């Protein structure tokens, strides 16, 4: 392993651990004490843990349930999404579960609304920085990648459906005020993730470069995406260049940025949001 790639792995692991600590702190300091639920698998684990502890003799913590939920997802991701992404995502889940176990759950002291908003925002910062370095916090992110490869439909619908189930169950069991605070927390969380990473599932990158053949080869080696080449000319410099147009999913953004920096740091890249793709878009 080269010095560069070792440094990359260390950087990824540091960010993943930081993200996991933020998620665990948000859960144990804000959301769990206020009975407000997180979004996705974390919220499902939190809700099931509370229901099991209250209505059955079983006492299972949120951290353990989160880990159990993610094991089948990680196995599926390993075969369907890619080994590197799945490994880093599963490390994120394991570290989050570990910190959920060791950080004490704080007693609630302040206004529930403050707890809901701050819990949502801190969770989102943890998730956002993890997505930004090319990993995820597991669970729904891996499922959404699998679904987005099977169909071009937005995965937002699936996120919304799971979150709706969490909110409705929380409302039915613990009172509708808790459901509304959960909705507020999920909304705050979603907005912050969008701001840190990107809201759109698909993005179009337009790369203006003098090293098109080398860049094309490097992208093909790492990403299996179709590239359209357009001749380009600098208006001021009159230099002949190429513009490469490539459509990627948001989870590949980190990988693409990394390849461009490695091959041609002087390339000019414009990333635009893609509303829809018609025709062939490679998903596997």
Protein backbone atom coordinates (compact mmCIF):
# COMPACT_ATOMS: atom_id res chain seq x y z
CA UNK A 1 0.00 0.00 0.00
CA UNK A 2 1.45 3.37 -1.02
CA UNK A 3 1.94 6.27 1.38
CA UNK A 4 -0.85 8.16 -0.41
CA UNK A 5 -3.42 5.39 -0.12
CA UNK A 6 -2.46 4.67 3.51
CA UNK A 7 -2.96 8.37 4.31
CA UNK A 8 -6.35 8.24 2.54
CA UNK A 9 -7.45 5.22 4.61
CA UNK A 10 -6.36 6.95 7.86
CA UNK A 11 -8.19 10.15 6.85
CA UNK A 12 -11.37 8.19 6.03
CA UNK A 13 -11.25 6.28 9.32
CA UNK A 14 -10.73 9.49 11.34
CA UNK A 15 -13.73 11.15 9.66
CA UNK A 16 -15.86 7.99 10.06
CA UNK A 17 -15.03 7.81 13.80
CA UNK A 18 -15.76 11.54 14.23
CA UNK A 19 -19.08 11.11 12.41
CA UNK A 20 -19.99 8.09 14.55
CA UNK A 21 -19.22 10.00 17.78
CA UNK A 22 -21.45 12.89 16.64
CA UNK A 23 -24.35 10.52 15.86
CA UNK A 24 -23.95 8.73 19.23
CA UNK A 25 -23.75 12.03 21.17
CA UNK A 26 -26.84 13.36 19.36
CA UNK A 27 -28.73 10.17 20.23
CA UNK A 28 -27.70 9.77 23.89
CA UNK A 29 -27.63 13.47 24.80
CA UNK A 30 -30.57 14.83 22.84
CA UNK A 31 -32.91 12.43 21.04
CA UNK A 32 -33.20 9.45 23.44
CA UNK A 33 -33.69 11.61 26.61
CA UNK A 34 -36.43 13.62 24.87
CA UNK A 35 -38.14 10.54 23.35
CA UNK A 36 -37.59 12.07 19.91
CA UNK A 37 -36.67 9.61 17.17
CA UNK A 38 -33.86 9.80 14.64
CA UNK A 39 -34.45 9.04 10.97
CA UNK A 40 -33.68 5.77 9.19
CA UNK A 41 -32.25 2.65 10.80
CA UNK A 42 -31.03 4.56 13.89
CA UNK A 43 -34.57 5.76 14.62
CA UNK A 44 -35.99 2.27 13.99
CA UNK A 45 -33.43 0.76 16.44
CA UNK A 46 -34.20 3.48 18.99
CA UNK A 47 -37.97 2.92 18.76
CA UNK A 48 -37.74 -0.89 18.87
CA UNK A 49 -35.36 -0.70 21.86
CA UNK A 50 -37.84 1.48 23.76
CA UNK A 51 -40.82 -0.77 22.88
CA UNK A 52 -38.91 -3.95 23.88
CA UNK A 53 -37.72 -2.42 27.16
CA UNK A 54 -41.18 -1.16 28.06
CA UNK A 55 -43.53 -3.89 26.88
CA UNK A 56 -41.47 -7.10 27.04
CA UNK A 57 -39.02 -8.69 29.52
CA UNK A 58 -36.26 -8.18 26.92
CA UNK A 59 -33.89 -5.26 27.38
CA UNK A 60 -31.93 -4.53 24.21
CA UNK A 61 -30.02 -1.27 23.69
CA UNK A 62 -30.26 0.96 20.61
CA UNK A 63 -26.59 0.31 19.77
CA UNK A 64 -26.98 -3.49 19.67
CA UNK A 65 -30.17 -3.28 17.55
CA UNK A 66 -28.51 -0.85 15.13
CA UNK A 67 -25.67 -3.35 14.65
CA UNK A 68 -28.10 -6.28 14.17
CA UNK A 69 -30.18 -4.32 11.60
CA UNK A 70 -27.07 -3.52 9.59
CA UNK A 71 -25.54 -7.01 9.34
CA UNK A 72 -27.89 -8.29 6.56
CA UNK A 73 -27.66 -4.89 4.82
CA UNK A 74 -23.86 -5.04 4.84
CA UNK A 75 -23.91 -8.57 3.37
CA UNK A 76 -26.24 -7.36 0.59
CA UNK A 77 -24.10 -4.24 0.03
CA UNK A 78 -20.92 -6.33 -0.24
CA UNK A 79 -22.33 -8.12 -3.32
CA UNK A 80 -24.48 -5.37 -4.84
CA UNK A 81 -22.73 -2.07 -4.13
CA UNK A 82 -19.00 -2.56 -3.74
CA UNK A 83 -16.61 -3.84 -1.13
CA UNK A 84 -14.81 -0.61 -0.18
CA UNK A 85 -17.99 1.46 0.34
CA UNK A 86 -19.64 -1.37 2.33
CA UNK A 87 -16.58 -1.97 4.56
CA UNK A 88 -16.26 1.72 5.48
CA UNK A 89 -20.02 1.99 6.04
CA UNK A 90 -20.04 -1.07 8.30
CA UNK A 91 -17.06 0.31 10.27
CA UNK A 92 -19.17 3.47 10.77
CA UNK A 93 -22.07 1.36 12.12
CA UNK A 94 -19.83 -0.66 14.48
CA UNK A 95 -18.18 2.50 15.87
CA UNK A 96 -21.58 4.24 16.26
CA UNK A 97 -22.95 1.18 18.12
CA UNK A 98 -19.86 1.15 20.35
CA UNK A 99 -20.22 4.82 21.31
CA UNK A 100 -23.98 4.44 21.83
CA UNK A 101 -23.09 1.77 24.41
CA UNK A 102 -20.37 3.71 26.25
CA UNK A 103 -21.74 7.30 26.20
CA UNK A 104 -24.21 7.64 29.07
CA UNK A 105 -27.79 8.63 28.24
CA UNK A 106 -28.29 12.11 29.67
CA UNK A 107 -31.38 13.02 31.70
CA UNK A 108 -33.62 15.52 29.91
CA UNK A 109 -33.39 19.04 31.29
CA UNK A 110 -34.36 21.49 28.56
CA UNK A 111 -37.14 22.18 26.09
CA UNK A 112 -38.04 19.15 23.89
CA UNK A 113 -38.05 21.33 20.75
CA UNK A 114 -34.42 22.35 21.38
CA UNK A 115 -33.50 18.71 21.90
CA UNK A 116 -35.27 17.69 18.67
CA UNK A 117 -33.60 20.36 16.52
CA UNK A 118 -30.10 20.04 18.03
CA UNK A 119 -30.28 16.25 17.96
CA UNK A 120 -31.31 16.33 14.29
CA UNK A 121 -28.60 18.83 13.33
CA UNK A 122 -25.77 17.03 15.18
CA UNK A 123 -26.84 13.65 13.70
CA UNK A 124 -26.85 15.24 10.23
CA UNK A 125 -23.33 16.66 10.64
CA UNK A 126 -22.10 13.16 11.54
CA UNK A 127 -23.89 11.60 8.54
CA UNK A 128 -22.94 14.46 6.17
CA UNK A 129 -19.18 14.33 6.81
CA UNK A 130 -19.26 10.52 6.45
CA UNK A 131 -21.01 10.77 3.06
CA UNK A 132 -18.58 13.47 1.97
CA UNK A 133 -15.54 11.19 2.28
CA UNK A 134 -17.15 8.40 0.26
CA UNK A 135 -18.63 6.19 3.00
CA UNK A 136 -22.02 6.14 4.69
CA UNK A 137 -23.56 5.50 8.09
CA UNK A 138 -24.95 2.20 6.77
CA UNK A 139 -28.58 1.14 6.80
CA UNK A 140 -30.69 3.18 4.44
CA UNK A 141 -27.73 4.58 2.49
CA UNK A 142 -26.69 1.10 1.36
CA UNK A 143 -30.30 0.13 0.65
CA UNK A 144 -30.79 3.35 -1.33
CA UNK A 145 -27.68 2.61 -3.40
CA UNK A 146 -29.00 -0.89 -4.18
CA UNK A 147 -32.44 0.53 -5.09
CA UNK A 148 -30.99 3.37 -7.19
CA UNK A 149 -29.02 0.78 -9.16
CA UNK A 150 -32.14 -1.29 -9.74
CA UNK A 151 -34.33 1.63 -10.83
CA UNK A 152 -33.88 5.31 -11.64
CA UNK A 153 -36.58 6.32 -9.17
CA UNK A 154 -35.64 8.64 -6.36
CA UNK A 155 -34.78 6.84 -3.16
CA UNK A 156 -36.33 9.72 -1.24
CA UNK A 157 -39.64 7.85 -1.39
CA UNK A 158 -38.17 4.85 0.46
CA UNK A 159 -36.55 7.11 3.07
CA UNK A 160 -39.85 8.89 3.55
CA UNK A 161 -41.77 5.59 3.91
CA UNK A 162 -39.48 4.22 6.64
CA UNK A 163 -39.44 7.56 8.46
CA UNK A 164 -43.25 7.77 8.20
CA UNK A 165 -43.53 4.32 9.83
CA UNK A 166 -41.20 5.45 12.67
CA UNK A 167 -43.13 8.71 13.18
CA UNK A 168 -46.58 7.06 13.11
CA UNK A 169 -45.49 4.27 15.49
CA UNK A 170 -43.91 6.79 17.87
CA UNK A 171 -47.11 8.85 17.73
CA UNK A 172 -49.40 5.87 18.32
CA UNK A 173 -47.38 4.48 21.24
CA UNK A 174 -45.97 7.59 22.95
CA UNK A 175 -48.26 10.48 21.97
CA UNK A 176 -48.56 12.63 18.87
CA UNK A 177 -46.48 15.48 20.30
CA UNK A 178 -43.47 13.09 20.17
CA UNK A 179 -44.31 12.29 16.55
CA UNK A 180 -44.37 16.01 15.64
CA UNK A 181 -41.05 16.64 17.39
CA UNK A 182 -39.62 13.64 15.51
CA UNK A 183 -40.86 15.16 12.25
CA UNK A 184 -39.11 18.44 13.17
CA UNK A 185 -35.89 16.57 13.99
CA UNK A 186 -35.98 14.57 10.72
CA UNK A 187 -36.61 17.78 8.73
CA UNK A 188 -33.67 19.60 10.40
CA UNK A 189 -31.49 16.56 9.78
CA UNK A 190 -32.38 16.31 6.08
CA UNK A 191 -31.70 20.02 5.43
CA UNK A 192 -28.25 19.86 7.05
CA UNK A 193 -27.21 16.70 5.14
CA UNK A 194 -28.30 18.42 1.90
CA UNK A 195 -26.17 21.45 2.78
CA UNK A 196 -23.06 19.42 3.72
CA UNK A 197 -23.21 16.84 0.93
CA UNK A 198 -25.80 17.05 -1.85
CA UNK A 199 -29.54 16.62 -2.14
CA UNK A 200 -29.55 15.11 -5.61
CA UNK A 201 -29.17 11.39 -6.22
CA UNK A 202 -27.57 11.95 -9.64
CA UNK A 203 -25.05 14.58 -10.63
CA UNK A 204 -23.45 15.55 -13.92
CA UNK A 205 -19.75 16.40 -13.92
CA UNK A 206 -18.29 18.49 -16.74
CA UNK A 207 -14.51 18.26 -16.66
CA UNK A 208 -12.36 20.50 -18.87
CA UNK A 209 -8.88 18.96 -19.11
CA UNK A 210 -5.69 18.77 -21.15
CA UNK A 211 -5.15 15.17 -19.99
CA UNK A 212 -8.32 13.54 -21.33
CA UNK A 213 -6.86 10.10 -22.27
CA UNK A 214 -5.20 9.60 -18.84
CA UNK A 215 -8.28 10.87 -16.97
CA UNK A 216 -10.62 8.71 -19.05
CA UNK A 217 -8.58 5.62 -18.25
CA UNK A 218 -8.42 6.43 -14.51
CA UNK A 219 -12.18 7.02 -14.31
CA UNK A 220 -12.95 3.76 -16.17
CA UNK A 221 -10.63 1.87 -13.85
CA UNK A 222 -12.39 3.12 -10.71
CA UNK A 223 -15.99 3.81 -11.70
CA UNK A 224 -17.42 1.99 -14.77
CA UNK A 225 -19.27 5.07 -16.01
CA UNK A 226 -19.91 6.18 -19.59
CA UNK A 227 -18.11 9.38 -20.64
CA UNK A 228 -18.99 11.78 -23.45
CA UNK A 229 -16.04 13.71 -24.92
CA UNK A 230 -16.50 17.17 -26.44
CA UNK A 231 -13.64 19.20 -27.98
CA UNK A 232 -13.18 22.49 -26.09
CA UNK A 233 -11.08 25.61 -26.56
CA UNK A 234 -10.07 28.21 -23.98
CA UNK A 235 -11.54 31.56 -25.14
CA UNK A 236 -8.76 33.57 -23.51
CA UNK A 237 -5.80 31.20 -23.90
CA UNK A 238 -6.88 29.65 -27.23
CA UNK A 239 -5.61 26.31 -25.93
CA UNK A 240 -7.14 23.10 -27.25
CA UNK A 241 -8.71 21.00 -24.49
CA UNK A 242 -11.40 18.34 -24.04
CA UNK A 243 -14.56 18.47 -22.05
CA UNK A 244 -15.64 15.18 -20.48
CA UNK A 245 -19.28 14.82 -19.46
CA UNK A 246 -20.13 12.08 -16.97
CA UNK A 247 -23.27 11.28 -14.94
CA UNK A 248 -22.63 9.83 -11.49
CA UNK A 249 -24.59 9.03 -8.32
CA UNK A 250 -23.96 11.21 -5.27
CA UNK A 251 -22.08 8.38 -3.56
CA UNK A 252 -19.45 8.46 -6.35
CA UNK A 253 -18.73 12.18 -5.97
CA UNK A 254 -15.85 11.66 -3.54
CA UNK A 255 -14.28 9.00 -5.79
CA UNK A 256 -14.52 11.23 -8.89
CA UNK A 257 -13.03 14.28 -7.11
CA UNK A 258 -10.21 12.08 -5.92
CA UNK A 259 -9.43 10.68 -9.41
CA UNK A 260 -9.42 14.18 -10.97
CA UNK A 261 -7.07 15.56 -8.26
CA UNK A 262 -4.72 12.62 -8.77
CA UNK A 263 -4.56 12.73 -12.60
CA UNK A 264 -5.02 16.41 -13.46
CA UNK A 265 -5.11 18.85 -10.52
CA UNK A 266 -5.41 21.74 -13.04
CA UNK A 267 -8.66 20.39 -14.57
CA UNK A 268 -11.71 22.61 -14.28
CA UNK A 269 -14.73 20.68 -13.00
CA UNK A 270 -18.33 21.84 -12.85
CA UNK A 271 -20.77 19.60 -10.94
CA UNK A 272 -24.44 20.21 -11.72
CA UNK A 273 -27.56 18.62 -10.28
CA UNK A 274 -29.31 16.13 -12.55
CA UNK A 275 -33.09 15.97 -12.29
CA UNK A 276 -33.55 12.89 -14.50
CA UNK A 277 -31.67 10.57 -16.84
CA UNK A 278 -33.25 9.09 -19.96
CA UNK A 279 -31.68 6.24 -21.91
CA UNK A 280 -28.96 3.91 -20.68
CA UNK A 281 -27.43 4.70 -17.27
CA UNK A 282 -25.14 1.98 -16.00
CA UNK A 283 -26.25 0.90 -12.54
CA UNK A 284 -24.08 -2.09 -11.73
